[in-house]
Amino acid sequence: MEFNYLAIAVAGLVPLVIGFLWYNPALFGNVWMRESGMTEEKMKSGNMAVIFVLSLIFSVLLSFFLQFLTIHQTGAVQMIGGDPTVEGILPSFQAFMDDYGTNFRTYKHGALHGLLAGIFIVLPIMGTNGLFERKSWKHIFINVGYWTLVLTIMGAILCGWV
C-alpha cells in the first residue's frame, strides 16, 4: 500500500478552506471572537504569512496521520513491517490483500472515521482545555464542531480517493 500524496495534500487544504468559512463573521466568526476574547486589533497583530504557512504544515501533518485512522489496510501493512515488497513476506499476506485490500475504501467510510475522531479525540481534548481555560461551551462547541467537520471531510478524501 502506497501513500496517495495528492489526497494527503488536498485533504491538508481542507482546514484552511473550512476555517475561512466557519470562522467568517457570516457564520460563527463573531460569536467565536466574542467567546474567545479575540479583538480586531489582536487579529491584525499577528504575522498572517507565518500563521497560514504553519497552519498548512500542521494540516498536512494531520492529513498524513489521519489516513492511519481511516484506511484499515494500513494496519495489515504495519503487521509485516511496512513494506510489502521486501523479500520474505509470506504469500498469505498477498492473498489477504487480494481478498480484502479494497474493503471499506469509500468516502462514506472515511467520513465516518473522521467524524468518530472528532467526537472521541477532538471533543475530549478541546473540552478539557476549554474547561481549564474557563471558556464557554459556545466557544468549545464552535471549535470542536469545526475540527469534527474538518476531520470528517479529510477522512472522506483520504479513504475514498483510491
N, C-alpha and C. Protein backbone atom coordinates (compact mmCIF):
# COMPACT_ATOMS: atom_id res chain seq x y z
N MET A 1 0.84 -1.18 0.00
CA MET A 1 0.00 0.00 0.00
C MET A 1 0.89 1.24 0.00
N GLU A 2 0.64 2.11 -0.93
CA GLU A 2 1.42 3.33 -1.02
C GLU A 2 0.57 4.52 -0.58
N PHE A 3 1.26 5.56 -0.15
CA PHE A 3 0.57 6.77 0.25
C PHE A 3 0.08 7.50 -0.99
N ASN A 4 -1.11 8.04 -0.93
CA ASN A 4 -1.64 8.87 -2.00
C ASN A 4 -1.33 10.32 -1.62
N TYR A 5 -0.19 10.80 -2.10
CA TYR A 5 0.27 12.12 -1.68
C TYR A 5 -0.63 13.24 -2.19
N LEU A 6 -1.29 13.03 -3.32
CA LEU A 6 -2.23 14.04 -3.82
C LEU A 6 -3.43 14.15 -2.87
N ALA A 7 -3.95 13.01 -2.43
CA ALA A 7 -5.07 13.02 -1.48
C ALA A 7 -4.64 13.66 -0.16
N ILE A 8 -3.41 13.37 0.29
CA ILE A 8 -2.90 13.97 1.52
C ILE A 8 -2.82 15.49 1.37
N ALA A 9 -2.33 15.95 0.23
CA ALA A 9 -2.21 17.39 0.00
C ALA A 9 -3.57 18.07 -0.08
N VAL A 10 -4.50 17.46 -0.81
CA VAL A 10 -5.84 18.05 -0.93
C VAL A 10 -6.54 18.06 0.42
N ALA A 11 -6.46 16.94 1.15
CA ALA A 11 -7.06 16.89 2.49
C ALA A 11 -6.40 17.91 3.41
N GLY A 12 -5.12 18.16 3.20
CA GLY A 12 -4.41 19.15 4.01
C GLY A 12 -4.90 20.58 3.80
N LEU A 13 -5.55 20.82 2.68
CA LEU A 13 -6.12 22.15 2.41
C LEU A 13 -7.48 22.36 3.07
N VAL A 14 -8.12 21.26 3.45
CA VAL A 14 -9.48 21.32 3.99
C VAL A 14 -9.59 22.23 5.22
N PRO A 15 -8.69 22.12 6.22
CA PRO A 15 -8.84 23.01 7.39
C PRO A 15 -8.79 24.49 7.03
N LEU A 16 -7.98 24.86 6.06
CA LEU A 16 -7.90 26.28 5.68
C LEU A 16 -9.18 26.74 4.99
N VAL A 17 -9.69 25.92 4.08
CA VAL A 17 -10.91 26.29 3.35
C VAL A 17 -12.11 26.33 4.30
N ILE A 18 -12.28 25.28 5.09
CA ILE A 18 -13.41 25.24 6.03
C ILE A 18 -13.25 26.33 7.09
N GLY A 19 -12.03 26.56 7.55
CA GLY A 19 -11.79 27.61 8.54
C GLY A 19 -12.16 28.98 8.02
N PHE A 20 -11.86 29.24 6.75
CA PHE A 20 -12.23 30.52 6.14
C PHE A 20 -13.75 30.72 6.20
N LEU A 21 -14.49 29.64 5.97
CA LEU A 21 -15.96 29.73 6.01
C LEU A 21 -16.49 29.70 7.44
N TRP A 22 -16.01 28.77 8.25
CA TRP A 22 -16.53 28.54 9.61
C TRP A 22 -16.33 29.76 10.51
N TYR A 23 -15.13 30.34 10.44
CA TYR A 23 -14.80 31.47 11.32
C TYR A 23 -15.07 32.81 10.66
N ASN A 24 -15.77 32.79 9.55
CA ASN A 24 -16.20 34.02 8.87
C ASN A 24 -17.30 34.66 9.71
N PRO A 25 -17.35 36.00 9.78
CA PRO A 25 -18.41 36.66 10.55
C PRO A 25 -19.82 36.26 10.12
N ALA A 26 -19.98 35.83 8.88
CA ALA A 26 -21.31 35.43 8.42
C ALA A 26 -21.76 34.10 9.04
N LEU A 27 -20.81 33.31 9.54
CA LEU A 27 -21.19 32.04 10.16
C LEU A 27 -20.95 32.11 11.67
N PHE A 28 -19.78 31.69 12.14
CA PHE A 28 -19.50 31.66 13.58
C PHE A 28 -18.43 32.66 14.01
N GLY A 29 -17.88 33.42 13.09
CA GLY A 29 -16.77 34.30 13.39
C GLY A 29 -17.01 35.29 14.50
N ASN A 30 -18.15 35.98 14.47
CA ASN A 30 -18.43 36.99 15.50
C ASN A 30 -18.60 36.35 16.88
N VAL A 31 -19.33 35.23 16.92
CA VAL A 31 -19.54 34.55 18.20
C VAL A 31 -18.21 34.02 18.72
N TRP A 32 -17.41 33.42 17.83
CA TRP A 32 -16.12 32.89 18.24
C TRP A 32 -15.22 34.01 18.78
N MET A 33 -15.19 35.14 18.11
CA MET A 33 -14.36 36.26 18.58
C MET A 33 -14.80 36.71 19.97
N ARG A 34 -16.09 36.85 20.16
CA ARG A 34 -16.61 37.29 21.45
C ARG A 34 -16.29 36.25 22.54
N GLU A 35 -16.55 34.99 22.25
CA GLU A 35 -16.36 33.93 23.26
C GLU A 35 -14.89 33.66 23.56
N SER A 36 -14.01 33.92 22.61
CA SER A 36 -12.58 33.66 22.83
C SER A 36 -11.85 34.88 23.35
N GLY A 37 -12.50 36.03 23.33
CA GLY A 37 -11.85 37.25 23.78
C GLY A 37 -10.97 37.87 22.70
N MET A 38 -11.16 37.45 21.46
CA MET A 38 -10.37 37.97 20.34
C MET A 38 -10.92 39.33 19.93
N THR A 39 -10.03 40.23 19.57
CA THR A 39 -10.43 41.55 19.09
C THR A 39 -9.86 41.76 17.69
N GLU A 40 -10.38 42.76 16.99
CA GLU A 40 -9.86 43.10 15.66
C GLU A 40 -8.39 43.48 15.75
N GLU A 41 -8.04 44.23 16.77
CA GLU A 41 -6.65 44.66 16.95
C GLU A 41 -5.73 43.46 17.13
N LYS A 42 -6.16 42.52 17.95
CA LYS A 42 -5.37 41.33 18.20
C LYS A 42 -5.24 40.49 16.92
N MET A 43 -6.32 40.44 16.14
CA MET A 43 -6.30 39.69 14.88
C MET A 43 -5.27 40.28 13.93
N LYS A 44 -5.17 41.58 13.89
CA LYS A 44 -4.26 42.26 12.96
C LYS A 44 -2.81 42.23 13.43
N SER A 45 -2.58 41.88 14.68
CA SER A 45 -1.24 41.94 15.24
C SER A 45 -0.36 40.77 14.84
N GLY A 46 -0.95 39.68 14.40
CA GLY A 46 -0.16 38.50 14.06
C GLY A 46 0.43 38.58 12.66
N ASN A 47 1.49 37.82 12.42
CA ASN A 47 2.09 37.71 11.11
C ASN A 47 1.30 36.66 10.33
N MET A 48 0.40 37.11 9.47
CA MET A 48 -0.52 36.21 8.78
C MET A 48 0.20 35.23 7.86
N ALA A 49 1.30 35.64 7.25
CA ALA A 49 2.05 34.72 6.38
C ALA A 49 2.56 33.53 7.19
N VAL A 50 3.14 33.80 8.35
CA VAL A 50 3.65 32.72 9.21
C VAL A 50 2.50 31.86 9.71
N ILE A 51 1.41 32.50 10.11
CA ILE A 51 0.25 31.75 10.62
C ILE A 51 -0.30 30.81 9.56
N PHE A 52 -0.45 31.30 8.33
CA PHE A 52 -1.01 30.45 7.27
C PHE A 52 -0.03 29.35 6.85
N VAL A 53 1.25 29.65 6.77
CA VAL A 53 2.23 28.62 6.39
C VAL A 53 2.28 27.52 7.45
N LEU A 54 2.36 27.91 8.72
CA LEU A 54 2.38 26.90 9.79
C LEU A 54 1.06 26.13 9.85
N SER A 55 -0.05 26.81 9.64
CA SER A 55 -1.35 26.13 9.62
C SER A 55 -1.40 25.09 8.51
N LEU A 56 -0.87 25.44 7.35
CA LEU A 56 -0.84 24.49 6.24
C LEU A 56 0.05 23.30 6.56
N ILE A 57 1.21 23.55 7.14
CA ILE A 57 2.10 22.45 7.53
C ILE A 57 1.41 21.53 8.54
N PHE A 58 0.80 22.13 9.56
CA PHE A 58 0.08 21.33 10.56
C PHE A 58 -1.06 20.53 9.93
N SER A 59 -1.76 21.13 8.98
CA SER A 59 -2.88 20.46 8.31
C SER A 59 -2.40 19.27 7.50
N VAL A 60 -1.27 19.41 6.83
CA VAL A 60 -0.73 18.29 6.06
C VAL A 60 -0.26 17.18 7.02
N LEU A 61 0.36 17.55 8.13
CA LEU A 61 0.74 16.54 9.13
C LEU A 61 -0.49 15.79 9.64
N LEU A 62 -1.55 16.52 9.93
CA LEU A 62 -2.80 15.90 10.37
C LEU A 62 -3.35 14.99 9.29
N SER A 63 -3.33 15.44 8.07
CA SER A 63 -3.82 14.65 6.95
C SER A 63 -3.02 13.36 6.80
N PHE A 64 -1.71 13.46 6.92
CA PHE A 64 -0.86 12.28 6.80
C PHE A 64 -1.22 11.26 7.88
N PHE A 65 -1.39 11.71 9.12
CA PHE A 65 -1.72 10.79 10.20
C PHE A 65 -3.13 10.25 10.10
N LEU A 66 -4.06 11.05 9.66
CA LEU A 66 -5.46 10.66 9.63
C LEU A 66 -5.70 9.44 8.74
N GLN A 67 -4.87 9.26 7.73
CA GLN A 67 -5.07 8.10 6.87
C GLN A 67 -4.91 6.79 7.65
N PHE A 68 -4.12 6.79 8.73
CA PHE A 68 -3.95 5.59 9.53
C PHE A 68 -5.21 5.28 10.35
N LEU A 69 -6.03 6.29 10.60
CA LEU A 69 -7.30 6.06 11.29
C LEU A 69 -8.42 5.67 10.34
N THR A 70 -8.30 6.08 9.08
CA THR A 70 -9.41 5.87 8.15
C THR A 70 -9.21 4.70 7.20
N ILE A 71 -7.97 4.31 6.93
CA ILE A 71 -7.69 3.24 5.98
C ILE A 71 -7.23 2.01 6.76
N HIS A 72 -8.08 1.01 6.84
CA HIS A 72 -7.78 -0.18 7.64
C HIS A 72 -6.62 -0.99 7.09
N GLN A 73 -6.39 -0.93 5.79
CA GLN A 73 -5.33 -1.72 5.19
C GLN A 73 -3.94 -1.31 5.70
N THR A 74 -3.82 -0.10 6.22
CA THR A 74 -2.52 0.30 6.76
C THR A 74 -2.14 -0.57 7.95
N GLY A 75 -3.12 -1.07 8.68
CA GLY A 75 -2.84 -1.99 9.80
C GLY A 75 -2.24 -3.29 9.32
N ALA A 76 -2.75 -3.81 8.22
CA ALA A 76 -2.20 -5.05 7.66
C ALA A 76 -0.77 -4.84 7.18
N VAL A 77 -0.52 -3.71 6.55
CA VAL A 77 0.83 -3.41 6.07
C VAL A 77 1.77 -3.23 7.26
N GLN A 78 1.30 -2.62 8.33
CA GLN A 78 2.14 -2.43 9.51
C GLN A 78 2.49 -3.77 10.15
N MET A 79 1.58 -4.75 10.04
CA MET A 79 1.83 -6.06 10.63
C MET A 79 3.04 -6.76 10.01
N ILE A 80 3.37 -6.41 8.76
CA ILE A 80 4.51 -7.05 8.11
C ILE A 80 5.73 -6.15 8.09
N GLY A 81 5.70 -5.07 8.82
CA GLY A 81 6.84 -4.19 8.91
C GLY A 81 6.80 -2.99 8.01
N GLY A 82 5.71 -2.80 7.27
CA GLY A 82 5.53 -1.58 6.50
C GLY A 82 5.87 -1.64 5.03
N ASP A 83 6.57 -2.66 4.56
CA ASP A 83 6.94 -2.70 3.15
C ASP A 83 6.58 -4.05 2.56
N PRO A 84 5.47 -4.13 1.84
CA PRO A 84 5.03 -5.42 1.30
C PRO A 84 5.89 -5.91 0.14
N THR A 85 6.87 -5.13 -0.30
CA THR A 85 7.69 -5.55 -1.45
C THR A 85 8.99 -6.24 -1.03
N VAL A 86 9.30 -6.24 0.27
CA VAL A 86 10.56 -6.85 0.71
C VAL A 86 10.48 -8.37 0.63
N GLU A 87 11.64 -8.97 0.48
CA GLU A 87 11.72 -10.42 0.40
C GLU A 87 11.36 -11.03 1.74
N GLY A 88 10.72 -12.16 1.72
CA GLY A 88 10.38 -12.87 2.95
C GLY A 88 8.95 -12.68 3.40
N ILE A 89 8.18 -11.84 2.70
CA ILE A 89 6.76 -11.67 3.06
C ILE A 89 6.01 -12.92 2.63
N LEU A 90 5.26 -13.48 3.52
CA LEU A 90 4.54 -14.72 3.23
C LEU A 90 3.47 -14.51 2.16
N PRO A 91 3.22 -15.51 1.35
CA PRO A 91 2.18 -15.40 0.33
C PRO A 91 0.79 -15.15 0.92
N SER A 92 0.61 -15.51 2.18
CA SER A 92 -0.69 -15.30 2.82
C SER A 92 -1.03 -13.81 2.91
N PHE A 93 0.01 -12.95 3.02
CA PHE A 93 -0.24 -11.51 3.06
C PHE A 93 -0.86 -11.06 1.74
N GLN A 94 -0.26 -11.47 0.64
CA GLN A 94 -0.79 -11.07 -0.67
C GLN A 94 -2.18 -11.64 -0.88
N ALA A 95 -2.41 -12.87 -0.43
CA ALA A 95 -3.75 -13.47 -0.55
C ALA A 95 -4.76 -12.65 0.26
N PHE A 96 -4.36 -12.25 1.46
CA PHE A 96 -5.23 -11.42 2.29
C PHE A 96 -5.54 -10.11 1.60
N MET A 97 -4.51 -9.44 1.06
CA MET A 97 -4.72 -8.16 0.38
C MET A 97 -5.55 -8.33 -0.89
N ASP A 98 -5.38 -9.45 -1.59
CA ASP A 98 -6.21 -9.71 -2.78
C ASP A 98 -7.68 -9.83 -2.39
N ASP A 99 -7.93 -10.45 -1.23
CA ASP A 99 -9.31 -10.64 -0.78
C ASP A 99 -9.91 -9.38 -0.14
N TYR A 100 -9.11 -8.65 0.62
CA TYR A 100 -9.65 -7.56 1.43
C TYR A 100 -9.01 -6.19 1.18
N GLY A 101 -8.13 -6.09 0.21
CA GLY A 101 -7.33 -4.90 0.00
C GLY A 101 -8.10 -3.63 -0.29
N THR A 102 -9.32 -3.73 -0.78
CA THR A 102 -10.09 -2.51 -1.06
C THR A 102 -11.36 -2.41 -0.21
N ASN A 103 -11.51 -3.32 0.73
CA ASN A 103 -12.69 -3.24 1.60
C ASN A 103 -12.68 -1.95 2.42
N PHE A 104 -13.84 -1.36 2.54
CA PHE A 104 -14.04 -0.15 3.34
C PHE A 104 -13.23 1.04 2.84
N ARG A 105 -12.90 1.06 1.55
CA ARG A 105 -12.17 2.19 0.97
C ARG A 105 -13.18 3.06 0.23
N THR A 106 -14.03 3.74 0.99
CA THR A 106 -15.05 4.60 0.40
C THR A 106 -15.01 5.97 1.08
N TYR A 107 -15.57 6.95 0.41
CA TYR A 107 -15.68 8.28 1.01
C TYR A 107 -16.52 8.22 2.27
N LYS A 108 -17.59 7.45 2.20
CA LYS A 108 -18.51 7.34 3.34
C LYS A 108 -17.81 6.75 4.57
N HIS A 109 -17.02 5.71 4.35
CA HIS A 109 -16.33 5.07 5.47
C HIS A 109 -15.28 6.01 6.07
N GLY A 110 -14.55 6.71 5.21
CA GLY A 110 -13.57 7.68 5.71
C GLY A 110 -14.23 8.80 6.48
N ALA A 111 -15.38 9.25 5.99
CA ALA A 111 -16.12 10.31 6.70
C ALA A 111 -16.55 9.83 8.07
N LEU A 112 -17.00 8.58 8.16
CA LEU A 112 -17.41 8.02 9.45
C LEU A 112 -16.24 8.05 10.44
N HIS A 113 -15.07 7.61 10.00
CA HIS A 113 -13.93 7.59 10.91
C HIS A 113 -13.45 9.00 11.25
N GLY A 114 -13.56 9.92 10.32
CA GLY A 114 -13.24 11.31 10.64
C GLY A 114 -14.18 11.87 11.68
N LEU A 115 -15.48 11.57 11.52
CA LEU A 115 -16.48 12.00 12.49
C LEU A 115 -16.18 11.42 13.87
N LEU A 116 -15.87 10.12 13.91
CA LEU A 116 -15.55 9.48 15.18
C LEU A 116 -14.30 10.09 15.82
N ALA A 117 -13.31 10.45 15.00
CA ALA A 117 -12.11 11.11 15.53
C ALA A 117 -12.49 12.46 16.15
N GLY A 118 -13.40 13.17 15.52
CA GLY A 118 -13.85 14.44 16.07
C GLY A 118 -14.53 14.27 17.41
N ILE A 119 -15.38 13.28 17.50
CA ILE A 119 -16.14 13.06 18.74
C ILE A 119 -15.27 12.48 19.85
N PHE A 120 -14.45 11.48 19.51
CA PHE A 120 -13.73 10.74 20.55
C PHE A 120 -12.28 11.19 20.76
N ILE A 121 -11.77 12.07 19.92
CA ILE A 121 -10.41 12.60 20.13
C ILE A 121 -10.47 14.10 20.35
N VAL A 122 -11.07 14.83 19.42
CA VAL A 122 -11.08 16.28 19.49
C VAL A 122 -11.92 16.78 20.67
N LEU A 123 -13.13 16.27 20.82
CA LEU A 123 -14.01 16.74 21.90
C LEU A 123 -13.38 16.57 23.28
N PRO A 124 -12.85 15.41 23.63
CA PRO A 124 -12.23 15.30 24.97
C PRO A 124 -11.04 16.23 25.16
N ILE A 125 -10.22 16.40 24.13
CA ILE A 125 -9.04 17.24 24.26
C ILE A 125 -9.44 18.71 24.37
N MET A 126 -10.24 19.18 23.42
CA MET A 126 -10.62 20.60 23.42
C MET A 126 -11.58 20.91 24.56
N GLY A 127 -12.41 19.95 24.91
CA GLY A 127 -13.32 20.15 26.04
C GLY A 127 -12.55 20.32 27.34
N THR A 128 -11.55 19.49 27.54
CA THR A 128 -10.72 19.59 28.75
C THR A 128 -9.98 20.93 28.77
N ASN A 129 -9.35 21.27 27.64
CA ASN A 129 -8.66 22.56 27.58
C ASN A 129 -9.61 23.72 27.85
N GLY A 130 -10.77 23.68 27.22
CA GLY A 130 -11.75 24.75 27.39
C GLY A 130 -12.22 24.90 28.82
N LEU A 131 -12.41 23.78 29.50
CA LEU A 131 -12.85 23.83 30.89
C LEU A 131 -11.79 24.48 31.77
N PHE A 132 -10.53 24.07 31.60
CA PHE A 132 -9.46 24.64 32.42
C PHE A 132 -9.16 26.08 32.05
N GLU A 133 -9.40 26.45 30.79
CA GLU A 133 -9.20 27.84 30.38
C GLU A 133 -10.41 28.71 30.69
N ARG A 134 -11.44 28.09 31.26
CA ARG A 134 -12.69 28.78 31.63
C ARG A 134 -13.38 29.36 30.40
N LYS A 135 -13.35 28.63 29.31
CA LYS A 135 -14.04 29.05 28.09
C LYS A 135 -15.49 28.59 28.16
N SER A 136 -16.33 29.27 27.44
CA SER A 136 -17.75 28.93 27.43
C SER A 136 -17.98 27.68 26.59
N TRP A 137 -19.13 27.05 26.80
CA TRP A 137 -19.48 25.89 25.98
C TRP A 137 -19.67 26.29 24.53
N LYS A 138 -20.12 27.53 24.29
CA LYS A 138 -20.23 28.01 22.90
C LYS A 138 -18.86 27.97 22.23
N HIS A 139 -17.88 28.49 22.92
CA HIS A 139 -16.51 28.51 22.39
C HIS A 139 -16.03 27.08 22.11
N ILE A 140 -16.22 26.21 23.08
CA ILE A 140 -15.78 24.82 22.93
C ILE A 140 -16.47 24.16 21.74
N PHE A 141 -17.79 24.30 21.65
CA PHE A 141 -18.52 23.62 20.58
C PHE A 141 -18.27 24.24 19.21
N ILE A 142 -17.98 25.53 19.14
CA ILE A 142 -17.62 26.12 17.84
C ILE A 142 -16.32 25.49 17.35
N ASN A 143 -15.33 25.39 18.22
CA ASN A 143 -14.04 24.82 17.83
C ASN A 143 -14.13 23.31 17.58
N VAL A 144 -14.83 22.60 18.45
CA VAL A 144 -14.98 21.15 18.27
C VAL A 144 -15.79 20.86 17.00
N GLY A 145 -16.82 21.65 16.77
CA GLY A 145 -17.62 21.47 15.56
C GLY A 145 -16.79 21.68 14.31
N TYR A 146 -15.94 22.70 14.33
CA TYR A 146 -15.05 22.96 13.20
C TYR A 146 -14.15 21.76 12.94
N TRP A 147 -13.44 21.30 13.96
CA TRP A 147 -12.50 20.21 13.77
C TRP A 147 -13.19 18.90 13.43
N THR A 148 -14.38 18.69 13.96
CA THR A 148 -15.11 17.46 13.62
C THR A 148 -15.52 17.49 12.16
N LEU A 149 -16.02 18.62 11.68
CA LEU A 149 -16.37 18.75 10.26
C LEU A 149 -15.13 18.58 9.39
N VAL A 150 -14.04 19.22 9.77
CA VAL A 150 -12.79 19.13 9.02
C VAL A 150 -12.31 17.68 8.94
N LEU A 151 -12.27 16.98 10.07
CA LEU A 151 -11.81 15.60 10.08
C LEU A 151 -12.74 14.68 9.28
N THR A 152 -14.03 14.98 9.30
CA THR A 152 -14.98 14.19 8.52
C THR A 152 -14.69 14.32 7.03
N ILE A 153 -14.48 15.54 6.58
CA ILE A 153 -14.19 15.76 5.15
C ILE A 153 -12.81 15.22 4.79
N MET A 154 -11.83 15.46 5.64
CA MET A 154 -10.49 14.93 5.38
C MET A 154 -10.50 13.40 5.33
N GLY A 155 -11.20 12.78 6.27
CA GLY A 155 -11.29 11.32 6.27
C GLY A 155 -11.93 10.79 5.01
N ALA A 156 -12.97 11.46 4.55
CA ALA A 156 -13.63 11.04 3.30
C ALA A 156 -12.65 11.11 2.13
N ILE A 157 -11.92 12.18 2.04
CA ILE A 157 -10.95 12.34 0.94
C ILE A 157 -9.87 11.27 1.02
N LEU A 158 -9.31 11.09 2.19
CA LEU A 158 -8.19 10.15 2.34
C LEU A 158 -8.59 8.71 2.10
N CYS A 159 -9.75 8.32 2.58
CA CYS A 159 -10.17 6.93 2.45
C CYS A 159 -10.80 6.63 1.10
N GLY A 160 -11.53 7.57 0.55
CA GLY A 160 -12.25 7.31 -0.69
C GLY A 160 -11.47 7.55 -1.95
N TRP A 161 -10.42 8.35 -1.85
CA TRP A 161 -9.65 8.71 -3.03
C TRP A 161 -8.61 7.60 -3.27
N VAL A 162 -9.04 6.54 -3.89
CA VAL A 162 -8.17 5.37 -4.10
C VAL A 162 -7.44 5.52 -5.41
